[in-house]
Amino acid sequence: MCSQIEVLLKENYFKKLFLINASLISQSNSFSLRSLIDSDFIIYTLIHDKLVDKVCQKLEIQFILLAKEKLIRDYDEKLARKTITHKILLNLTIESHKKLTMSMLIADIEHHKAILSKL
């Protein structure tokens, strides 16, 4: 299975089929981005650590320290090298689907701005 995923990533399969437009929303502001939608490999909703400062500034929200650090697994099921220590809370809209008070873990997710779990 792991080799299949590597082939799909090399062929930009995920970029073609699973990218969607999403809006991250706070009280009065919104931030639009393209996000990878759940592909049944991800159990958390993640936002790229290089983008989160811009999102927080635009939405006027703050990072939240996690009570306990989290380790995430890469696609090959190995533990990621970095631990996740912070999250943000916001609302999410994808077309007519809304999720209120969604938690997004802040992580280095390499190729995507965000990865959304199932809504």
N, C-alpha and C. Protein backbone atom coordinates (compact mmCIF):
# COMPACT_ATOMS: atom_id res chain seq x y z
N MET A 1 0.82 -1.19 0.00
CA MET A 1 0.00 0.00 0.00
C MET A 1 0.87 1.26 0.00
N CYS A 2 1.94 1.24 0.76
CA CYS A 2 2.82 2.40 0.86
C CYS A 2 3.39 2.77 -0.50
N SER A 3 3.82 1.81 -1.28
CA SER A 3 4.37 2.11 -2.60
C SER A 3 3.31 2.68 -3.54
N GLN A 4 2.06 2.28 -3.38
CA GLN A 4 0.98 2.85 -4.18
C GLN A 4 0.82 4.33 -3.88
N ILE A 5 0.90 4.68 -2.61
CA ILE A 5 0.75 6.08 -2.22
C ILE A 5 1.90 6.91 -2.78
N GLU A 6 3.11 6.38 -2.71
CA GLU A 6 4.26 7.10 -3.26
C GLU A 6 4.07 7.36 -4.75
N VAL A 7 3.58 6.38 -5.48
CA VAL A 7 3.33 6.55 -6.91
C VAL A 7 2.26 7.61 -7.13
N LEU A 8 1.18 7.56 -6.35
CA LEU A 8 0.10 8.53 -6.49
C LEU A 8 0.60 9.95 -6.20
N LEU A 9 1.43 10.10 -5.18
CA LEU A 9 1.98 11.41 -4.86
C LEU A 9 2.87 11.92 -5.98
N LYS A 10 3.70 11.06 -6.55
CA LYS A 10 4.59 11.46 -7.64
C LYS A 10 3.79 11.88 -8.87
N GLU A 11 2.65 11.27 -9.09
CA GLU A 11 1.83 11.59 -10.25
C GLU A 11 0.85 12.72 -9.96
N ASN A 12 0.98 13.36 -8.79
CA ASN A 12 0.08 14.44 -8.38
C ASN A 12 -1.38 14.00 -8.32
N TYR A 13 -1.61 12.75 -8.04
CA TYR A 13 -2.97 12.20 -7.96
C TYR A 13 -3.80 12.95 -6.93
N PHE A 14 -3.24 13.17 -5.74
CA PHE A 14 -4.00 13.84 -4.69
C PHE A 14 -4.31 15.28 -5.06
N LYS A 15 -3.38 15.94 -5.72
CA LYS A 15 -3.61 17.33 -6.12
C LYS A 15 -4.77 17.42 -7.09
N LYS A 16 -4.89 16.45 -7.98
CA LYS A 16 -5.94 16.49 -8.99
C LYS A 16 -7.31 16.15 -8.42
N LEU A 17 -7.38 15.19 -7.53
CA LEU A 17 -8.68 14.68 -7.12
C LEU A 17 -9.20 15.15 -5.78
N PHE A 18 -8.33 15.52 -4.86
CA PHE A 18 -8.80 15.77 -3.52
C PHE A 18 -8.63 17.21 -3.03
N LEU A 19 -8.21 18.12 -3.88
CA LEU A 19 -8.08 19.50 -3.46
C LEU A 19 -9.40 20.23 -3.58
N ILE A 20 -9.74 20.97 -2.53
CA ILE A 20 -11.00 21.72 -2.52
C ILE A 20 -10.73 23.14 -2.03
N ASN A 21 -11.67 24.02 -2.31
CA ASN A 21 -11.61 25.37 -1.76
C ASN A 21 -12.31 25.37 -0.42
N ALA A 22 -11.65 25.95 0.58
CA ALA A 22 -12.22 26.01 1.92
C ALA A 22 -12.10 27.43 2.45
N SER A 23 -12.99 27.79 3.36
CA SER A 23 -12.92 29.09 4.03
C SER A 23 -12.82 28.85 5.53
N LEU A 24 -11.76 29.39 6.12
CA LEU A 24 -11.58 29.37 7.56
C LEU A 24 -12.19 30.67 8.07
N ILE A 25 -13.03 30.59 9.10
CA ILE A 25 -13.82 31.74 9.51
C ILE A 25 -13.72 31.98 11.00
N SER A 26 -13.56 33.26 11.37
CA SER A 26 -13.63 33.66 12.77
C SER A 26 -14.89 34.52 12.93
N GLN A 27 -14.95 35.31 13.97
CA GLN A 27 -16.14 36.14 14.22
C GLN A 27 -16.52 37.00 13.02
N SER A 28 -15.56 37.74 12.48
CA SER A 28 -15.91 38.68 11.40
C SER A 28 -15.02 38.59 10.17
N ASN A 29 -14.07 37.69 10.17
CA ASN A 29 -13.13 37.59 9.05
C ASN A 29 -13.11 36.18 8.48
N SER A 30 -12.61 36.08 7.24
CA SER A 30 -12.45 34.74 6.65
C SER A 30 -11.12 34.68 5.90
N PHE A 31 -10.65 33.45 5.72
CA PHE A 31 -9.39 33.19 5.03
C PHE A 31 -9.64 32.01 4.10
N SER A 32 -9.50 32.21 2.80
CA SER A 32 -9.73 31.15 1.82
C SER A 32 -8.44 30.46 1.46
N LEU A 33 -8.52 29.15 1.25
CA LEU A 33 -7.35 28.38 0.84
C LEU A 33 -7.77 27.10 0.15
N ARG A 34 -6.81 26.49 -0.55
CA ARG A 34 -7.02 25.18 -1.16
C ARG A 34 -6.52 24.16 -0.15
N SER A 35 -7.30 23.11 0.06
CA SER A 35 -6.96 22.12 1.07
C SER A 35 -7.13 20.71 0.52
N LEU A 36 -6.30 19.83 1.03
CA LEU A 36 -6.47 18.41 0.72
C LEU A 36 -7.61 17.91 1.61
N ILE A 37 -8.57 17.24 1.02
CA ILE A 37 -9.69 16.71 1.80
C ILE A 37 -9.34 15.30 2.24
N ASP A 38 -9.95 14.84 3.29
CA ASP A 38 -9.67 13.54 3.89
C ASP A 38 -9.57 12.44 2.85
N SER A 39 -8.51 11.65 2.99
CA SER A 39 -8.31 10.53 2.08
C SER A 39 -8.27 9.21 2.85
N ASP A 40 -8.87 9.20 4.02
CA ASP A 40 -8.93 8.05 4.92
C ASP A 40 -7.57 7.66 5.49
N PHE A 41 -6.55 8.49 5.28
CA PHE A 41 -5.25 8.26 5.90
C PHE A 41 -5.06 9.19 7.10
N ILE A 42 -5.80 10.28 7.13
CA ILE A 42 -5.61 11.32 8.12
C ILE A 42 -6.72 11.26 9.16
N ILE A 43 -6.34 11.29 10.45
CA ILE A 43 -7.37 11.30 11.49
C ILE A 43 -7.48 12.67 12.15
N TYR A 44 -6.56 13.58 11.84
CA TYR A 44 -6.61 14.93 12.39
C TYR A 44 -6.79 15.93 11.26
N THR A 45 -7.31 17.10 11.61
CA THR A 45 -7.34 18.21 10.67
C THR A 45 -6.10 19.04 10.96
N LEU A 46 -5.31 19.31 9.92
CA LEU A 46 -4.01 19.94 10.08
C LEU A 46 -3.90 21.22 9.27
N ILE A 47 -3.13 22.17 9.76
CA ILE A 47 -2.80 23.38 9.01
C ILE A 47 -1.28 23.52 9.01
N HIS A 48 -0.74 23.98 7.89
CA HIS A 48 0.71 24.09 7.73
C HIS A 48 1.28 25.14 8.69
N ASP A 49 2.37 24.80 9.34
CA ASP A 49 2.98 25.71 10.31
C ASP A 49 3.50 26.99 9.68
N LYS A 50 3.79 26.96 8.38
CA LYS A 50 4.27 28.18 7.70
C LYS A 50 3.13 29.12 7.33
N LEU A 51 1.90 28.65 7.34
CA LEU A 51 0.73 29.44 6.97
C LEU A 51 -0.03 29.96 8.19
N VAL A 52 0.13 29.32 9.31
CA VAL A 52 -0.73 29.59 10.47
C VAL A 52 -0.59 31.02 11.01
N ASP A 53 0.59 31.62 10.94
CA ASP A 53 0.73 33.01 11.42
C ASP A 53 -0.15 33.96 10.60
N LYS A 54 -0.14 33.77 9.29
CA LYS A 54 -0.95 34.61 8.39
C LYS A 54 -2.44 34.41 8.68
N VAL A 55 -2.85 33.17 8.89
CA VAL A 55 -4.25 32.86 9.18
C VAL A 55 -4.67 33.49 10.51
N CYS A 56 -3.85 33.32 11.53
CA CYS A 56 -4.18 33.87 12.85
C CYS A 56 -4.27 35.39 12.82
N GLN A 57 -3.37 36.02 12.08
CA GLN A 57 -3.40 37.48 11.98
C GLN A 57 -4.68 37.94 11.28
N LYS A 58 -5.02 37.29 10.17
CA LYS A 58 -6.22 37.67 9.40
C LYS A 58 -7.50 37.42 10.20
N LEU A 59 -7.57 36.28 10.90
CA LEU A 59 -8.78 35.91 11.62
C LEU A 59 -8.81 36.46 13.05
N GLU A 60 -7.71 37.07 13.46
CA GLU A 60 -7.59 37.63 14.82
C GLU A 60 -7.84 36.56 15.88
N ILE A 61 -7.12 35.45 15.72
CA ILE A 61 -7.20 34.35 16.69
C ILE A 61 -5.79 34.03 17.18
N GLN A 62 -5.68 33.23 18.23
CA GLN A 62 -4.40 32.89 18.84
C GLN A 62 -4.18 31.38 18.79
N PHE A 63 -2.90 30.97 18.85
CA PHE A 63 -2.56 29.55 19.01
C PHE A 63 -3.05 29.11 20.38
N ILE A 64 -3.34 27.83 20.50
CA ILE A 64 -3.69 27.24 21.80
C ILE A 64 -2.71 26.10 22.07
N LEU A 65 -2.11 26.12 23.24
CA LEU A 65 -1.17 25.08 23.63
C LEU A 65 -1.96 23.81 23.95
N LEU A 66 -1.54 22.68 23.39
CA LEU A 66 -2.20 21.41 23.68
C LEU A 66 -1.85 20.95 25.09
N ALA A 67 -2.78 20.31 25.76
CA ALA A 67 -2.52 19.78 27.10
C ALA A 67 -1.44 18.69 27.04
N LYS A 68 -1.44 17.95 25.96
CA LYS A 68 -0.46 16.88 25.77
C LYS A 68 0.01 16.92 24.32
N GLU A 69 1.32 16.80 24.10
CA GLU A 69 1.85 16.79 22.74
C GLU A 69 1.30 15.60 21.96
N LYS A 70 1.16 15.79 20.65
CA LYS A 70 0.69 14.70 19.78
C LYS A 70 1.78 14.35 18.78
N LEU A 71 1.87 13.08 18.48
CA LEU A 71 2.73 12.61 17.40
C LEU A 71 1.82 12.13 16.29
N ILE A 72 2.12 12.52 15.07
CA ILE A 72 1.33 12.04 13.94
C ILE A 72 2.16 11.08 13.13
N ARG A 73 1.49 10.26 12.37
CA ARG A 73 2.18 9.29 11.51
C ARG A 73 2.17 9.79 10.07
N ASP A 74 3.26 9.50 9.39
CA ASP A 74 3.33 9.80 7.96
C ASP A 74 2.52 8.73 7.23
N TYR A 75 2.42 8.88 5.91
CA TYR A 75 1.67 7.91 5.12
C TYR A 75 2.23 6.50 5.23
N ASP A 76 3.52 6.39 5.50
CA ASP A 76 4.13 5.06 5.62
C ASP A 76 3.98 4.47 7.03
N GLU A 77 3.16 5.13 7.86
CA GLU A 77 2.85 4.68 9.22
C GLU A 77 3.99 4.86 10.21
N LYS A 78 5.09 5.50 9.81
CA LYS A 78 6.16 5.82 10.75
C LYS A 78 5.78 7.10 11.47
N LEU A 79 6.19 7.21 12.73
CA LEU A 79 5.90 8.42 13.47
C LEU A 79 6.64 9.60 12.85
N ALA A 80 5.97 10.73 12.78
CA ALA A 80 6.61 11.94 12.24
C ALA A 80 7.75 12.37 13.16
N ARG A 81 8.68 13.08 12.60
CA ARG A 81 9.85 13.51 13.37
C ARG A 81 9.52 14.60 14.38
N LYS A 82 8.50 15.39 14.12
CA LYS A 82 8.17 16.50 15.00
C LYS A 82 6.90 16.20 15.79
N THR A 83 6.86 16.73 16.98
CA THR A 83 5.65 16.62 17.78
C THR A 83 4.79 17.86 17.53
N ILE A 84 3.51 17.70 17.72
CA ILE A 84 2.57 18.81 17.57
C ILE A 84 2.26 19.33 18.95
N THR A 85 2.41 20.64 19.13
CA THR A 85 2.23 21.23 20.45
C THR A 85 1.12 22.27 20.52
N HIS A 86 0.65 22.75 19.34
CA HIS A 86 -0.36 23.82 19.32
C HIS A 86 -1.48 23.52 18.32
N LYS A 87 -2.57 24.22 18.51
CA LYS A 87 -3.71 24.14 17.59
C LYS A 87 -4.35 25.51 17.49
N ILE A 88 -5.28 25.63 16.54
CA ILE A 88 -6.13 26.81 16.46
C ILE A 88 -7.57 26.33 16.42
N LEU A 89 -8.48 27.17 16.88
CA LEU A 89 -9.91 26.88 16.82
C LEU A 89 -10.57 27.91 15.92
N LEU A 90 -11.42 27.43 15.01
CA LEU A 90 -12.11 28.32 14.08
C LEU A 90 -13.31 27.60 13.48
N ASN A 91 -14.01 28.28 12.61
CA ASN A 91 -15.12 27.68 11.88
C ASN A 91 -14.65 27.42 10.45
N LEU A 92 -15.27 26.44 9.81
CA LEU A 92 -14.89 26.05 8.45
C LEU A 92 -16.13 25.96 7.58
N THR A 93 -16.00 26.46 6.35
CA THR A 93 -17.08 26.33 5.37
C THR A 93 -16.50 25.79 4.07
N ILE A 94 -17.16 24.75 3.55
CA ILE A 94 -16.84 24.20 2.23
C ILE A 94 -18.16 24.10 1.50
N GLU A 95 -18.34 24.99 0.51
CA GLU A 95 -19.62 25.13 -0.18
C GLU A 95 -20.73 25.29 0.85
N SER A 96 -21.69 24.39 0.93
CA SER A 96 -22.79 24.55 1.89
C SER A 96 -22.53 23.80 3.20
N HIS A 97 -21.40 23.14 3.31
CA HIS A 97 -21.08 22.39 4.52
C HIS A 97 -20.32 23.28 5.50
N LYS A 98 -20.83 23.32 6.74
CA LYS A 98 -20.19 24.14 7.76
C LYS A 98 -19.85 23.28 8.97
N LYS A 99 -18.71 23.58 9.54
CA LYS A 99 -18.33 22.94 10.79
C LYS A 99 -17.94 24.04 11.76
N LEU A 100 -18.63 24.10 12.88
CA LEU A 100 -18.37 25.13 13.87
C LEU A 100 -17.35 24.65 14.88
N THR A 101 -16.53 25.57 15.32
CA THR A 101 -15.51 25.33 16.33
C THR A 101 -14.68 24.09 16.01
N MET A 102 -14.00 24.16 14.91
CA MET A 102 -13.13 23.07 14.48
C MET A 102 -11.72 23.31 14.99
N SER A 103 -11.08 22.26 15.41
CA SER A 103 -9.71 22.31 15.89
C SER A 103 -8.78 21.90 14.75
N MET A 104 -7.76 22.71 14.50
CA MET A 104 -6.75 22.39 13.48
C MET A 104 -5.39 22.33 14.17
N LEU A 105 -4.74 21.18 14.08
CA LEU A 105 -3.42 21.03 14.65
C LEU A 105 -2.39 21.70 13.74
N ILE A 106 -1.40 22.34 14.32
CA ILE A 106 -0.38 23.06 13.56
C ILE A 106 0.81 22.12 13.35
N ALA A 107 1.12 21.85 12.08
CA ALA A 107 2.18 20.88 11.76
C ALA A 107 2.84 21.22 10.43
N ASP A 108 4.03 20.69 10.22
CA ASP A 108 4.70 20.81 8.94
C ASP A 108 4.15 19.70 8.05
N ILE A 109 3.22 20.05 7.17
CA ILE A 109 2.56 19.04 6.33
C ILE A 109 3.05 19.10 4.89
N GLU A 110 4.19 19.72 4.69
CA GLU A 110 4.94 19.75 3.44
C GLU A 110 4.19 20.30 2.24
N HIS A 111 3.45 19.50 1.51
CA HIS A 111 2.94 19.88 0.19
C HIS A 111 1.59 20.60 0.19
N HIS A 112 0.93 20.71 1.31
CA HIS A 112 -0.42 21.29 1.34
C HIS A 112 -0.53 22.37 2.39
N LYS A 113 -1.46 23.29 2.18
CA LYS A 113 -1.69 24.34 3.18
C LYS A 113 -2.48 23.79 4.36
N ALA A 114 -3.40 22.88 4.07
CA ALA A 114 -4.21 22.26 5.11
C ALA A 114 -4.64 20.87 4.64
N ILE A 115 -4.91 20.01 5.61
CA ILE A 115 -5.47 18.69 5.32
C ILE A 115 -6.67 18.55 6.24
N LEU A 116 -7.83 18.34 5.64
CA LEU A 116 -9.07 18.28 6.41
C LEU A 116 -9.49 16.83 6.62
N SER A 117 -9.86 16.50 7.84
CA SER A 117 -10.42 15.18 8.11
C SER A 117 -11.89 15.20 7.69
N LYS A 118 -12.58 14.09 7.86
CA LYS A 118 -13.99 14.04 7.47
C LYS A 118 -14.79 15.03 8.28
N LEU A 119 -15.74 15.71 7.63
CA LEU A 119 -16.60 16.68 8.31
C LEU A 119 -17.79 15.99 8.93
